[in-house]
Structures are given as C-alpha cells and as structure tokens.
N, C-alpha and C. Protein backbone atom coordinates (compact mmCIF):
# COMPACT_ATOMS: atom_id res chain seq x y z
N UNK A 1 0.92 -1.05 0.02
CA UNK A 1 0.12 -0.14 -0.11
C UNK A 1 0.69 1.34 -0.06
N UNK A 2 0.40 2.09 -1.16
CA UNK A 2 1.52 3.20 -1.15
C UNK A 2 0.40 4.47 -0.53
N UNK A 3 0.22 4.29 0.74
CA UNK A 3 -0.55 5.40 1.28
C UNK A 3 -0.27 5.73 2.71
N UNK A 4 -0.50 7.15 3.16
CA UNK A 4 0.03 7.44 4.48
C UNK A 4 -1.21 8.22 5.12
N UNK A 5 -0.93 8.55 6.54
CA UNK A 5 -1.93 9.28 7.04
C UNK A 5 -0.76 9.96 8.05
N UNK A 6 -0.91 11.37 8.04
CA UNK A 6 -0.26 12.00 8.76
C UNK A 6 -0.89 13.22 9.62
N UNK A 7 -0.61 13.27 10.78
CA UNK A 7 -1.15 14.50 11.62
C UNK A 7 -0.17 15.57 12.02
N UNK A 8 -0.30 16.95 11.78
CA UNK A 8 0.50 18.02 12.26
C UNK A 8 -0.06 18.65 12.89
N UNK A 9 0.62 18.89 14.16
CA UNK A 9 -0.16 19.92 15.23
C UNK A 9 0.81 21.08 15.57
N UNK A 10 0.37 22.10 15.48
CA UNK A 10 1.20 23.17 16.17
C UNK A 10 0.45 24.26 16.93
N UNK A 11 1.05 25.14 17.43
CA UNK A 11 0.15 26.34 17.91
C UNK A 11 -0.76 26.96 17.29
N UNK A 12 -0.48 26.89 15.82
CA UNK A 12 -1.31 27.58 14.84
C UNK A 12 -2.21 26.84 13.95
N UNK A 13 -1.90 25.69 13.87
CA UNK A 13 -2.72 24.63 13.11
C UNK A 13 -2.69 23.35 13.61
N UNK A 14 -4.15 22.79 13.20
CA UNK A 14 -3.83 21.17 13.45
C UNK A 14 -4.54 20.53 12.35
N UNK A 15 -3.81 19.73 11.59
CA UNK A 15 -3.92 19.09 10.16
C UNK A 15 -3.60 17.75 10.25
N UNK A 16 -4.50 17.19 9.51
CA UNK A 16 -4.36 15.66 9.19
C UNK A 16 -4.66 15.40 7.68
N UNK A 17 -3.82 14.71 7.20
CA UNK A 17 -3.82 14.62 5.81
C UNK A 17 -3.51 12.77 5.50
N UNK A 18 -4.43 12.29 4.51
CA UNK A 18 -4.50 11.10 4.23
C UNK A 18 -4.24 10.94 2.58
N UNK A 19 -3.43 10.53 2.22
CA UNK A 19 -3.13 10.12 0.75
C UNK A 19 -2.92 8.60 0.50
N UNK A 20 -3.28 8.36 -0.87
CA UNK A 20 -3.26 7.01 -1.57
C UNK A 20 -2.92 7.35 -2.93
N UNK A 21 -1.57 7.08 -3.00
CA UNK A 21 -1.02 7.33 -4.33
C UNK A 21 -1.43 6.51 -5.34
N UNK A 22 -2.24 5.38 -5.28
CA UNK A 22 -2.77 4.23 -6.01
C UNK A 22 -4.29 4.70 -6.15
N UNK A 23 -4.67 5.68 -5.85
CA UNK A 23 -5.98 5.95 -5.95
C UNK A 23 -6.80 6.22 -7.45
N UNK A 24 -8.10 6.89 -7.38
CA UNK A 24 -8.64 7.36 -8.49
C UNK A 24 -8.89 8.79 -8.51
N UNK A 25 -8.18 9.57 -7.80
CA UNK A 25 -8.49 10.88 -7.64
C UNK A 25 -9.60 11.68 -6.62
N UNK A 26 -9.96 10.62 -5.87
CA UNK A 26 -11.03 11.07 -4.96
C UNK A 26 -10.55 12.09 -3.96
N UNK A 27 -11.58 12.95 -3.18
CA UNK A 27 -10.88 13.69 -2.57
C UNK A 27 -12.14 14.45 -1.51
N UNK A 28 -11.86 14.59 -0.40
CA UNK A 28 -12.52 15.18 0.50
C UNK A 28 -11.57 16.34 1.59
N UNK A 29 -11.50 17.60 1.03
CA UNK A 29 -10.63 18.54 1.67
C UNK A 29 -11.51 19.52 2.19
N UNK A 30 -11.29 19.62 3.49
CA UNK A 30 -11.77 20.82 4.40
C UNK A 30 -10.68 21.40 5.14
N UNK A 31 -10.40 22.85 4.66
CA UNK A 31 -9.30 23.44 5.27
C UNK A 31 -9.96 24.94 6.13
N UNK A 32 -11.16 25.01 5.83
CA UNK A 32 -11.62 26.52 6.12
C UNK A 32 -11.43 27.65 5.15
N UNK A 33 -10.74 27.03 4.03
CA UNK A 33 -10.19 28.22 3.07
C UNK A 33 -11.02 27.69 1.86
N UNK A 34 -11.96 28.39 1.32
CA UNK A 34 -13.09 27.87 0.21
C UNK A 34 -11.97 27.72 -1.08
N UNK A 35 -11.38 28.74 -1.50
CA UNK A 35 -10.63 28.82 -2.72
C UNK A 35 -9.29 27.41 -2.45
N UNK A 36 -8.88 27.61 -1.18
CA UNK A 36 -7.77 26.56 -1.08
C UNK A 36 -8.15 25.16 -1.46
N UNK A 37 -9.29 24.90 -0.90
CA UNK A 37 -10.07 23.55 -0.84
C UNK A 37 -10.42 23.21 -2.50
N UNK A 38 -10.74 24.24 -2.98
CA UNK A 38 -10.95 24.09 -4.53
C UNK A 38 -9.77 23.47 -5.41
N UNK A 39 -8.47 24.08 -5.12
CA UNK A 39 -7.18 23.82 -5.55
C UNK A 39 -6.72 22.67 -5.10
N UNK A 40 -6.94 22.06 -3.74
CA UNK A 40 -6.40 20.78 -3.53
C UNK A 40 -7.44 19.84 -3.95
N UNK A 41 -8.66 20.22 -4.24
CA UNK A 41 -9.59 19.14 -5.19
C UNK A 41 -9.00 19.02 -6.42
N UNK A 42 -8.44 19.72 -6.99
CA UNK A 42 -7.88 19.70 -8.12
C UNK A 42 -6.55 18.95 -8.35
N UNK A 43 -5.82 19.18 -7.13
CA UNK A 43 -4.51 18.46 -7.25
C UNK A 43 -4.74 17.08 -6.83
N UNK A 44 -5.78 16.94 -6.25
CA UNK A 44 -6.16 15.22 -6.07
C UNK A 44 -6.59 14.82 -7.37
N UNK A 45 -7.68 15.37 -7.87
CA UNK A 45 -8.40 14.81 -9.12
C UNK A 45 -7.36 14.49 -10.21
N UNK A 46 -6.63 15.48 -10.51
CA UNK A 46 -5.75 15.27 -11.77
C UNK A 46 -4.52 14.73 -11.52
N UNK A 47 -4.03 14.31 -10.09
CA UNK A 47 -2.98 13.66 -9.92
C UNK A 47 -3.19 12.07 -9.89
N UNK A 48 -4.43 11.68 -9.79
CA UNK A 48 -5.30 10.48 -9.49
C UNK A 48 -4.80 10.11 -7.96
N UNK A 49 -4.50 10.94 -7.01
CA UNK A 49 -4.05 10.55 -5.47
C UNK A 49 -5.04 10.81 -4.64
N UNK A 50 -5.75 9.90 -4.14
CA UNK A 50 -6.65 10.12 -2.98
C UNK A 50 -6.38 11.08 -1.97
N UNK A 51 -7.02 11.99 -1.64
CA UNK A 51 -6.81 12.85 -0.62
C UNK A 51 -7.76 13.28 0.06
N UNK A 52 -7.62 13.29 1.50
CA UNK A 52 -8.34 13.77 2.50
C UNK A 52 -7.58 14.61 3.39
N UNK A 53 -8.20 15.98 3.37
CA UNK A 53 -7.19 16.94 4.33
C UNK A 53 -8.52 17.37 5.47
N UNK A 54 -8.22 17.50 6.60
CA UNK A 54 -9.06 18.30 7.59
C UNK A 54 -7.80 19.35 8.38
N UNK A 55 -8.31 20.55 8.11
CA UNK A 55 -7.42 21.70 8.76
C UNK A 55 -8.08 22.41 9.51
N UNK A 56 -7.58 22.50 10.80
CA UNK A 56 -8.29 23.82 11.66
C UNK A 56 -6.78 24.81 12.09
N UNK A 57 -7.10 25.88 11.53
CA UNK A 57 -6.15 27.10 11.52
C UNK A 57 -6.61 28.31 12.21
N UNK A 58 -5.43 29.27 12.29
CA UNK A 58 -5.85 30.43 13.01
C UNK A 58 -6.31 31.56 11.92
N UNK A 59 -7.28 31.00 11.20
CA UNK A 59 -8.11 31.98 10.34
C UNK A 59 -8.37 33.20 10.67
N UNK A 60 -8.70 33.54 12.03
CA UNK A 60 -8.79 34.95 12.69
C UNK A 60 -7.70 36.03 12.13
N UNK A 61 -6.63 35.18 12.19
CA UNK A 61 -5.52 36.01 11.78
C UNK A 61 -5.59 36.29 10.28
N UNK A 62 -5.30 35.38 9.34
CA UNK A 62 -5.12 35.18 7.79
C UNK A 62 -5.31 33.80 7.70
N UNK A 63 -5.12 33.56 6.38
CA UNK A 63 -5.11 31.97 5.60
C UNK A 63 -3.37 31.40 5.71
N UNK A 64 -2.68 32.31 5.86
CA UNK A 64 -1.16 31.88 5.68
C UNK A 64 -0.65 30.74 6.36
N UNK A 65 -0.83 30.39 7.70
CA UNK A 65 -0.41 29.34 8.37
C UNK A 65 -1.12 28.25 7.96
N UNK A 66 -2.75 28.13 7.65
CA UNK A 66 -3.29 26.84 7.10
C UNK A 66 -2.88 26.60 5.84
N UNK A 67 -2.53 27.50 5.03
CA UNK A 67 -2.13 27.12 3.53
C UNK A 67 -0.88 26.51 3.55
N UNK A 68 0.11 26.99 4.27
CA UNK A 68 1.55 26.71 4.37
C UNK A 68 1.50 25.42 4.97
N UNK A 69 1.28 25.25 6.24
CA UNK A 69 1.29 23.99 6.87
C UNK A 69 0.76 22.85 6.53
N UNK A 70 -0.36 23.01 5.56
CA UNK A 70 -1.40 21.90 4.79
C UNK A 70 -0.23 21.48 3.64
N UNK A 71 0.66 22.50 2.99
CA UNK A 71 1.54 22.39 2.32
C UNK A 71 2.64 21.19 2.80
N UNK A 72 2.93 21.65 3.94
CA UNK A 72 3.90 20.91 4.66
C UNK A 72 3.60 19.45 4.98
N UNK A 73 2.50 19.27 5.22
CA UNK A 73 1.98 17.96 5.70
C UNK A 73 1.57 17.17 4.52
N UNK A 74 1.04 17.88 3.19
CA UNK A 74 0.74 16.95 2.02
C UNK A 74 2.19 16.52 1.35
N UNK A 75 3.36 17.49 1.82
CA UNK A 75 4.75 16.91 1.35
C UNK A 75 5.25 16.05 2.06
N UNK A 76 5.11 16.05 3.60
CA UNK A 76 5.65 14.92 4.17
C UNK A 76 4.80 13.58 4.20
N UNK A 77 3.50 13.53 3.95
CA UNK A 77 2.73 12.40 3.52
C UNK A 77 3.11 11.90 2.38
N UNK A 78 3.32 12.68 1.37
CA UNK A 78 3.71 12.03 0.31
C UNK A 78 5.16 11.40 0.33
N UNK A 79 5.99 12.06 0.78
CA UNK A 79 7.56 11.66 1.13
C UNK A 79 7.15 9.93 1.55
N UNK A 80 6.47 10.01 2.71
CA UNK A 80 6.18 8.64 3.37
C UNK A 80 5.66 7.66 2.69
N UNK A 81 4.36 8.09 1.90
CA UNK A 81 3.74 7.25 0.98
C UNK A 81 4.70 6.33 -0.15
N UNK A 82 5.59 7.38 -0.53
CA UNK A 82 6.58 6.85 -1.60
C UNK A 82 7.52 5.77 -1.11
N UNK A 83 8.02 5.89 0.00
CA UNK A 83 8.71 4.87 0.69
C UNK A 83 10.20 5.27 0.08
N UNK A 84 10.99 4.13 -0.05
CA UNK A 84 12.49 4.28 -0.88
C UNK A 84 12.24 4.68 -2.21
N UNK A 85 10.90 5.04 -2.56
CA UNK A 85 10.60 5.49 -4.11
C UNK A 85 11.00 4.30 -5.31
N UNK A 86 10.97 2.83 -4.87
CA UNK A 86 11.22 1.63 -5.73
C UNK A 86 10.27 1.60 -6.85
N UNK A 87 10.57 1.59 -8.01
CA UNK A 87 9.74 1.33 -9.19
C UNK A 87 9.13 2.57 -9.84
N UNK A 88 9.34 3.90 -9.05
CA UNK A 88 8.38 5.03 -9.62
C UNK A 88 9.18 5.52 -10.80
N UNK A 89 8.27 6.45 -11.73
CA UNK A 89 8.90 6.90 -12.96
C UNK A 89 9.96 8.16 -12.43
N UNK A 90 9.43 8.52 -11.43
CA UNK A 90 10.59 9.89 -10.79
C UNK A 90 10.14 10.97 -11.23
N UNK A 91 10.24 11.22 -12.66
CA UNK A 91 10.14 12.59 -13.26
C UNK A 91 8.33 12.71 -14.09
N UNK A 92 8.02 13.90 -14.00
CA UNK A 92 6.86 14.49 -14.61
C UNK A 92 6.77 15.59 -15.02
N UNK A 93 5.94 15.79 -16.13
CA UNK A 93 5.82 17.53 -16.68
C UNK A 93 4.61 17.46 -17.40
N UNK A 94 4.02 18.74 -17.46
CA UNK A 94 2.62 19.12 -17.78
C UNK A 94 2.62 20.40 -18.42
N UNK A 95 2.28 20.48 -19.43
CA UNK A 95 2.19 21.83 -20.14
C UNK A 95 0.59 22.02 -20.19
N UNK A 96 -0.10 22.91 -19.44
CA UNK A 96 -1.31 22.73 -19.24
C UNK A 96 -2.48 24.19 -19.37
N UNK A 97 -3.17 24.18 -20.33
CA UNK A 97 -3.80 25.25 -20.89
C UNK A 97 -5.18 25.48 -19.90
N UNK A 98 -5.69 26.42 -19.42
CA UNK A 98 -6.93 26.80 -18.76
C UNK A 98 -7.39 28.10 -19.54
N UNK A 99 -8.15 28.25 -20.40
CA UNK A 99 -8.49 29.24 -20.86
C UNK A 99 -7.42 30.49 -21.34
N UNK A 100 -7.25 31.56 -20.85
CA UNK A 100 -6.30 32.51 -21.08
C UNK A 100 -4.91 31.87 -20.29
N UNK A 101 -4.93 31.22 -19.35
CA UNK A 101 -3.73 30.51 -18.94
C UNK A 101 -3.03 29.32 -19.67
N UNK A 102 -1.65 29.41 -19.65
CA UNK A 102 -1.02 28.33 -19.88
C UNK A 102 0.33 28.31 -19.12
N UNK A 103 0.35 27.09 -18.42
CA UNK A 103 1.20 26.98 -17.13
C UNK A 103 2.16 25.56 -17.71
N UNK A 104 3.43 25.64 -17.31
CA UNK A 104 4.15 24.45 -17.40
C UNK A 104 4.78 23.97 -15.81
N UNK A 105 4.45 22.88 -15.80
CA UNK A 105 5.31 22.18 -14.53
C UNK A 105 6.17 20.82 -15.01
N UNK A 106 7.38 20.81 -14.34
CA UNK A 106 8.23 19.89 -14.23
C UNK A 106 8.84 19.63 -13.09
N UNK A 107 8.67 18.20 -12.66
CA UNK A 107 9.10 17.76 -11.48
C UNK A 107 9.89 16.66 -11.39
N UNK A 108 10.84 16.60 -10.37
CA UNK A 108 11.54 15.38 -10.16
C UNK A 108 11.58 15.10 -8.37
N UNK A 109 11.24 13.98 -8.26
CA UNK A 109 10.90 13.47 -7.04
C UNK A 109 12.24 12.84 -6.28
N UNK A 110 13.20 13.79 -6.28
CA UNK A 110 14.62 13.49 -6.12
C UNK A 110 15.14 13.48 -4.78
N UNK A 111 14.33 13.89 -3.87
CA UNK A 111 14.76 14.23 -2.20
C UNK A 111 15.66 15.46 -2.33
N UNK A 112 15.80 16.05 -3.37
CA UNK A 112 16.45 17.47 -3.18
C UNK A 112 15.74 18.66 -3.70
N UNK A 113 14.90 19.05 -2.59
CA UNK A 113 13.89 20.06 -2.91
C UNK A 113 14.49 21.26 -3.42
N UNK A 114 13.84 21.89 -4.53
CA UNK A 114 13.96 23.24 -4.82
C UNK A 114 12.86 23.59 -5.81
N UNK A 115 12.44 24.97 -5.48
CA UNK A 115 11.28 25.61 -6.10
C UNK A 115 11.73 26.56 -7.05
N UNK A 116 11.30 26.48 -8.47
CA UNK A 116 11.42 27.67 -9.43
C UNK A 116 10.09 28.01 -9.62
N UNK A 117 9.75 29.34 -9.40
CA UNK A 117 8.49 29.88 -9.44
C UNK A 117 8.41 31.13 -10.58
N UNK A 118 8.07 30.90 -11.69
CA UNK A 118 7.82 31.98 -12.42
C UNK A 118 6.48 32.08 -13.03
N UNK A 119 5.62 32.55 -11.98
CA UNK A 119 4.09 32.80 -11.93
C UNK A 119 3.92 34.28 -11.32
N UNK A 120 3.21 35.00 -12.48
CA UNK A 120 2.67 36.30 -11.99
C UNK A 120 1.40 36.24 -11.90
N UNK A 121 0.71 36.41 -10.79
CA UNK A 121 -0.64 36.42 -10.56
C UNK A 121 -0.94 37.92 -10.32
N UNK A 122 -1.89 38.47 -11.50
CA UNK A 122 -2.02 39.82 -11.53
C UNK A 122 -2.96 40.44 -10.60
N UNK A 123 -3.74 40.03 -9.82
CA UNK A 123 -4.39 40.29 -8.52
C UNK A 123 -3.73 39.83 -7.03
N UNK A 124 -4.09 40.81 -6.05
CA UNK A 124 -3.58 40.34 -4.96
C UNK A 124 -4.71 39.27 -4.30
N UNK A 125 -5.79 39.12 -4.81
CA UNK A 125 -6.69 38.28 -4.10
C UNK A 125 -7.21 37.76 -5.40
N UNK A 126 -7.92 36.36 -5.07
CA UNK A 126 -9.04 35.85 -5.77
C UNK A 126 -10.22 35.62 -4.63
N UNK A 127 -11.21 36.50 -4.71
CA UNK A 127 -12.24 36.43 -3.59
C UNK A 127 -11.47 37.12 -2.52
N UNK A 128 -11.59 36.24 -1.38
CA UNK A 128 -10.81 36.50 -0.22
C UNK A 128 -9.38 36.04 0.20
N UNK A 129 -8.97 35.25 -0.95
CA UNK A 129 -8.05 34.57 -0.98
C UNK A 129 -6.45 35.17 -1.29
N UNK A 130 -5.22 35.29 -0.57
CA UNK A 130 -4.14 35.96 -0.97
C UNK A 130 -3.30 35.24 -2.04
N UNK A 131 -3.43 35.58 -3.26
CA UNK A 131 -2.55 35.09 -4.15
C UNK A 131 -1.18 34.59 -3.96
N UNK A 132 -0.53 35.53 -2.68
CA UNK A 132 0.71 35.05 -2.62
C UNK A 132 0.96 33.54 -1.89
N UNK A 133 -0.16 33.09 -1.51
CA UNK A 133 -0.11 31.87 -0.81
C UNK A 133 -0.10 30.61 -1.77
N UNK A 134 -0.40 30.99 -3.21
CA UNK A 134 -0.03 29.99 -4.04
C UNK A 134 1.41 29.40 -3.83
N UNK A 135 2.21 30.46 -4.14
CA UNK A 135 3.83 30.14 -4.07
C UNK A 135 3.94 29.35 -2.80
N UNK A 136 3.25 29.99 -1.61
CA UNK A 136 3.86 29.40 -0.41
C UNK A 136 3.43 27.97 -0.12
N UNK A 137 2.27 27.64 -0.85
CA UNK A 137 1.96 26.14 -0.77
C UNK A 137 2.72 25.30 -1.48
N UNK A 138 3.04 25.63 -2.82
CA UNK A 138 4.21 24.92 -3.44
C UNK A 138 5.48 24.91 -2.62
N UNK A 139 5.97 26.04 -2.14
CA UNK A 139 7.06 26.15 -1.60
C UNK A 139 7.19 24.96 -0.48
N UNK A 140 6.06 24.94 0.24
CA UNK A 140 6.06 23.90 1.45
C UNK A 140 5.97 22.68 0.98
N UNK A 141 5.16 22.39 0.01
CA UNK A 141 5.22 21.18 -0.61
C UNK A 141 6.32 20.59 -1.15
N UNK A 142 7.11 21.47 -1.78
CA UNK A 142 8.41 20.81 -2.64
C UNK A 142 9.68 20.85 -1.36
N UNK A 143 9.50 21.71 -0.42
CA UNK A 143 10.74 21.40 0.42
C UNK A 143 10.55 20.16 1.12
N UNK A 144 8.93 20.12 1.91
CA UNK A 144 8.74 19.10 2.68
C UNK A 144 8.45 17.29 1.81
N UNK A 145 8.24 17.63 0.53
CA UNK A 145 8.26 16.29 -0.12
C UNK A 145 9.42 15.91 -0.63
N UNK A 146 10.37 16.77 -0.61
CA UNK A 146 11.62 16.30 -1.34
C UNK A 146 11.64 16.49 -3.10
N UNK A 147 10.95 17.49 -3.38
CA UNK A 147 10.79 17.59 -4.90
C UNK A 147 11.36 19.01 -5.54
N UNK A 148 12.10 18.48 -6.51
CA UNK A 148 12.65 19.75 -7.47
C UNK A 148 11.32 19.97 -8.49
N UNK A 149 10.98 21.53 -8.03
CA UNK A 149 9.66 21.74 -8.81
C UNK A 149 9.68 22.87 -9.51
N UNK A 150 9.53 23.21 -10.92
CA UNK A 150 9.88 24.22 -11.67
C UNK A 150 8.21 24.39 -12.03
N UNK A 151 7.73 25.67 -12.10
CA UNK A 151 6.37 25.92 -12.53
C UNK A 151 6.60 27.43 -13.34
N UNK A 152 6.24 27.55 -14.49
CA UNK A 152 6.30 28.58 -15.42
C UNK A 152 5.18 28.90 -15.75
N UNK A 153 4.73 30.05 -15.73
CA UNK A 153 3.41 30.59 -16.38
C UNK A 153 3.89 31.18 -17.92
N UNK A 154 3.38 30.83 -18.81
CA UNK A 154 3.91 31.14 -20.38
C UNK A 154 2.79 32.13 -20.76
N UNK A 155 1.42 32.01 -20.35
CA UNK A 155 0.52 33.13 -20.42
C UNK A 155 -0.27 33.00 -19.43
N UNK A 156 -1.28 34.19 -19.27
CA UNK A 156 -2.38 34.39 -18.46
C UNK A 156 -2.65 35.76 -18.07
N UNK A 157 -4.17 35.98 -18.07
CA UNK A 157 -4.50 37.36 -17.83
C UNK A 157 -5.24 37.03 -16.33
N UNK A 158 -6.06 36.12 -16.10
CA UNK A 158 -7.12 35.69 -14.80
C UNK A 158 -6.16 35.19 -13.80
N UNK A 159 -6.26 35.70 -12.62
CA UNK A 159 -5.79 34.99 -11.36
C UNK A 159 -6.16 33.67 -11.11
N UNK A 160 -7.28 33.62 -11.20
CA UNK A 160 -7.98 32.34 -10.84
C UNK A 160 -7.58 31.06 -11.76
N UNK A 161 -7.56 31.63 -13.20
CA UNK A 161 -7.31 30.51 -14.09
C UNK A 161 -5.97 30.39 -13.98
N UNK A 162 -5.02 31.14 -13.96
CA UNK A 162 -3.66 30.92 -13.59
C UNK A 162 -3.34 30.13 -12.43
N UNK A 163 -3.80 30.30 -11.14
CA UNK A 163 -3.75 29.49 -10.18
C UNK A 163 -4.20 28.18 -10.47
N UNK A 164 -5.54 28.09 -10.77
CA UNK A 164 -5.67 26.53 -10.88
C UNK A 164 -4.99 25.95 -12.05
N UNK A 165 -4.65 26.61 -13.23
CA UNK A 165 -3.76 25.87 -14.16
C UNK A 165 -2.29 25.34 -13.57
N UNK A 166 -1.86 26.29 -12.38
CA UNK A 166 -0.70 25.89 -11.55
C UNK A 166 -0.98 24.52 -10.89
N UNK A 167 -2.17 24.34 -10.16
CA UNK A 167 -2.53 23.37 -9.58
C UNK A 167 -2.55 21.98 -10.40
N UNK A 168 -3.39 22.18 -11.21
CA UNK A 168 -3.71 21.02 -12.33
C UNK A 168 -2.22 20.53 -13.18
N UNK A 169 -1.20 21.65 -13.58
CA UNK A 169 -0.22 21.02 -14.23
C UNK A 169 0.84 20.60 -13.15
N UNK A 170 0.87 20.71 -11.93
CA UNK A 170 1.38 20.23 -11.01
C UNK A 170 1.18 18.75 -10.81
N UNK A 171 -0.67 18.74 -10.73
CA UNK A 171 -1.02 17.40 -10.20
C UNK A 171 -0.90 16.25 -11.49
N UNK A 172 -0.83 16.89 -12.58
CA UNK A 172 -0.55 15.91 -13.81
C UNK A 172 0.91 15.39 -13.87
N UNK A 173 1.89 16.31 -13.85
CA UNK A 173 3.45 16.37 -13.69
C UNK A 173 3.30 15.11 -12.45
N UNK A 174 2.71 14.99 -11.00
CA UNK A 174 3.01 14.30 -10.01
C UNK A 174 2.14 12.95 -10.33
N UNK A 175 1.25 12.90 -11.18
CA UNK A 175 0.53 11.80 -11.62
C UNK A 175 1.45 10.73 -12.28
N UNK A 176 2.11 11.54 -13.24
CA UNK A 176 3.55 10.80 -14.00
C UNK A 176 4.59 10.14 -13.23
N UNK A 177 4.81 11.00 -12.18
CA UNK A 177 6.29 10.88 -11.19
C UNK A 177 5.86 9.72 -10.43
N UNK A 178 4.69 9.74 -9.89
CA UNK A 178 4.62 8.68 -8.64
C UNK A 178 4.33 7.31 -9.35
N UNK A 179 3.73 7.21 -10.50
CA UNK A 179 3.38 5.97 -11.18
C UNK A 179 4.27 4.99 -11.19
N UNK A 180 3.98 3.63 -10.91
CA UNK A 180 5.05 2.76 -11.17
C UNK A 180 5.39 2.43 -12.68
N UNK A 181 6.43 2.24 -13.04
CA UNK A 181 7.08 1.93 -14.21
C UNK A 181 7.18 0.53 -14.21
N UNK A 182 6.40 -0.29 -15.12
CA UNK A 182 6.45 -1.69 -15.33
C UNK A 182 7.68 -2.16 -15.74
N UNK A 183 8.49 -1.62 -16.43
CA UNK A 183 9.49 -1.92 -16.85
C UNK A 183 10.80 -1.98 -15.76
N UNK A 184 10.46 -1.17 -14.97
CA UNK A 184 11.91 -0.98 -13.65
C UNK A 184 10.72 -1.19 -12.04
N UNK A 185 9.78 -1.88 -12.06
CA UNK A 185 8.90 -1.74 -11.05
C UNK A 185 9.90 -2.23 -9.86
N UNK A 186 11.10 -2.98 -9.69
CA UNK A 186 11.73 -3.14 -8.76
C UNK A 186 13.10 -2.54 -8.22
N UNK A 187 13.15 -1.51 -9.22
CA UNK A 187 14.39 -0.86 -9.33
C UNK A 187 14.48 0.64 -8.67
N UNK A 188 15.19 1.14 -7.86
CA UNK A 188 15.12 2.60 -7.55
C UNK A 188 15.78 3.35 -8.73
N UNK A 189 15.33 4.48 -9.35
CA UNK A 189 15.13 5.37 -10.48
C UNK A 189 16.47 6.09 -10.28
N UNK A 190 17.61 5.63 -9.97
CA UNK A 190 18.77 6.39 -9.61
C UNK A 190 19.91 5.64 -10.11
N UNK A 191 20.91 6.00 -10.60
CA UNK A 191 22.53 5.17 -10.70
C UNK A 191 22.90 5.13 -9.43
N UNK A 192 22.58 6.12 -8.33
CA UNK A 192 23.13 5.89 -6.80
C UNK A 192 22.79 4.84 -6.23
N UNK A 193 21.19 4.48 -6.77
CA UNK A 193 20.81 3.32 -6.03
C UNK A 193 19.77 3.71 -5.04
N UNK A 194 19.67 5.10 -4.97
CA UNK A 194 19.03 5.56 -3.62
C UNK A 194 18.68 6.84 -4.13
N UNK A 195 17.39 7.28 -3.64
CA UNK A 195 16.81 8.77 -3.40
C UNK A 195 16.42 9.22 -2.17
C-alpha cells in the first residue's frame, strides 16, 4: 500500500492528511479556506492521488499558516507514502492550458527540494484568498516532499485561471512521477541506488 496518514499539530494549526498514491483522484478536503479547498480538489483529481485533508487553523489572523502548513503536511505524507521510491517513474511534466492561462510544471521526486516559481498572479486576491499563498503552498510542498519543482506561467490574464492551471499542471506532473514503471518496478530510479 502506497498510502499514508499524517497529523501535524502546532500552536497555529491542526492538520490531518491521508494520501493514497494508487487511488482514483477522490478527495474530501476541508481547510476552512474555500478557494484553497477547490485547489486541493484539483490537485487530487488530476494526480489520481486520493486525498483527504482536515485542517483547523488560526483563520482569524489570516489564511497563511493554514495554507503553508497544509503544504508541509501533504509533502511529508507524500514522501512517507513513496517510501524508498522503488519502481516509480520519478519525473513528470505537464503543459496545461486553462482558457487564457498556460502553465508548465516539471518535477523530479529527487529528495533534493528546490522550487523555481515563474508565475505572476495579476491580482492580490482571488475572492478573499491572498494570491501570494499559491507560491507558499508549493514552496512547502516541494521542501517537505523532497521535490525539485519548476512552475512557469507562459500566458495568463485571470488570477483564478492561472492559479488553477498551476495546481492542475503540478497534479498531472505528479501523476506521471509517482506511477510505477512496469519496466523497472523493482528498481530505484537512480544510478546512485537511492533517492
């Protein structure tokens, strides 16, 4: 079973994440932040990773801690579910159009976290959601999931479309990377023999 449940508890947030890498993309995400829940639903649906998130955070301050800590928890759960990464394809990429937006994501489940973020969200808010938190989520995910992640916006006018295209493109890239390669199902995908 390539699945994991993780609970992260701090003075600012209480988060439980359950992931199943061999799922169908089912989701049940409740963070108290409506737009963020919508993005997590996209992440699950398009990666085919079953995802359940329950988060309670200090939303009376703002959404920052809830979004960032959810990224940390999902990253840690992903790394745990992958185990030694035996048999995975390791790399994934997607060029994803959504109306005016075109976003490219490429990633490596390398255990060497690094985020390149070339995304310009033209508004400060999407509804009540601070758009700067999109980057914060992916920074936390890449750092704690051990992911080298590049996200580039090639076109875009509408902040909602750009953000959603980013989540969907990362999801599709993640789908490819976590899948088992039937030609090398028993091998670590590295000449070093470890990731």
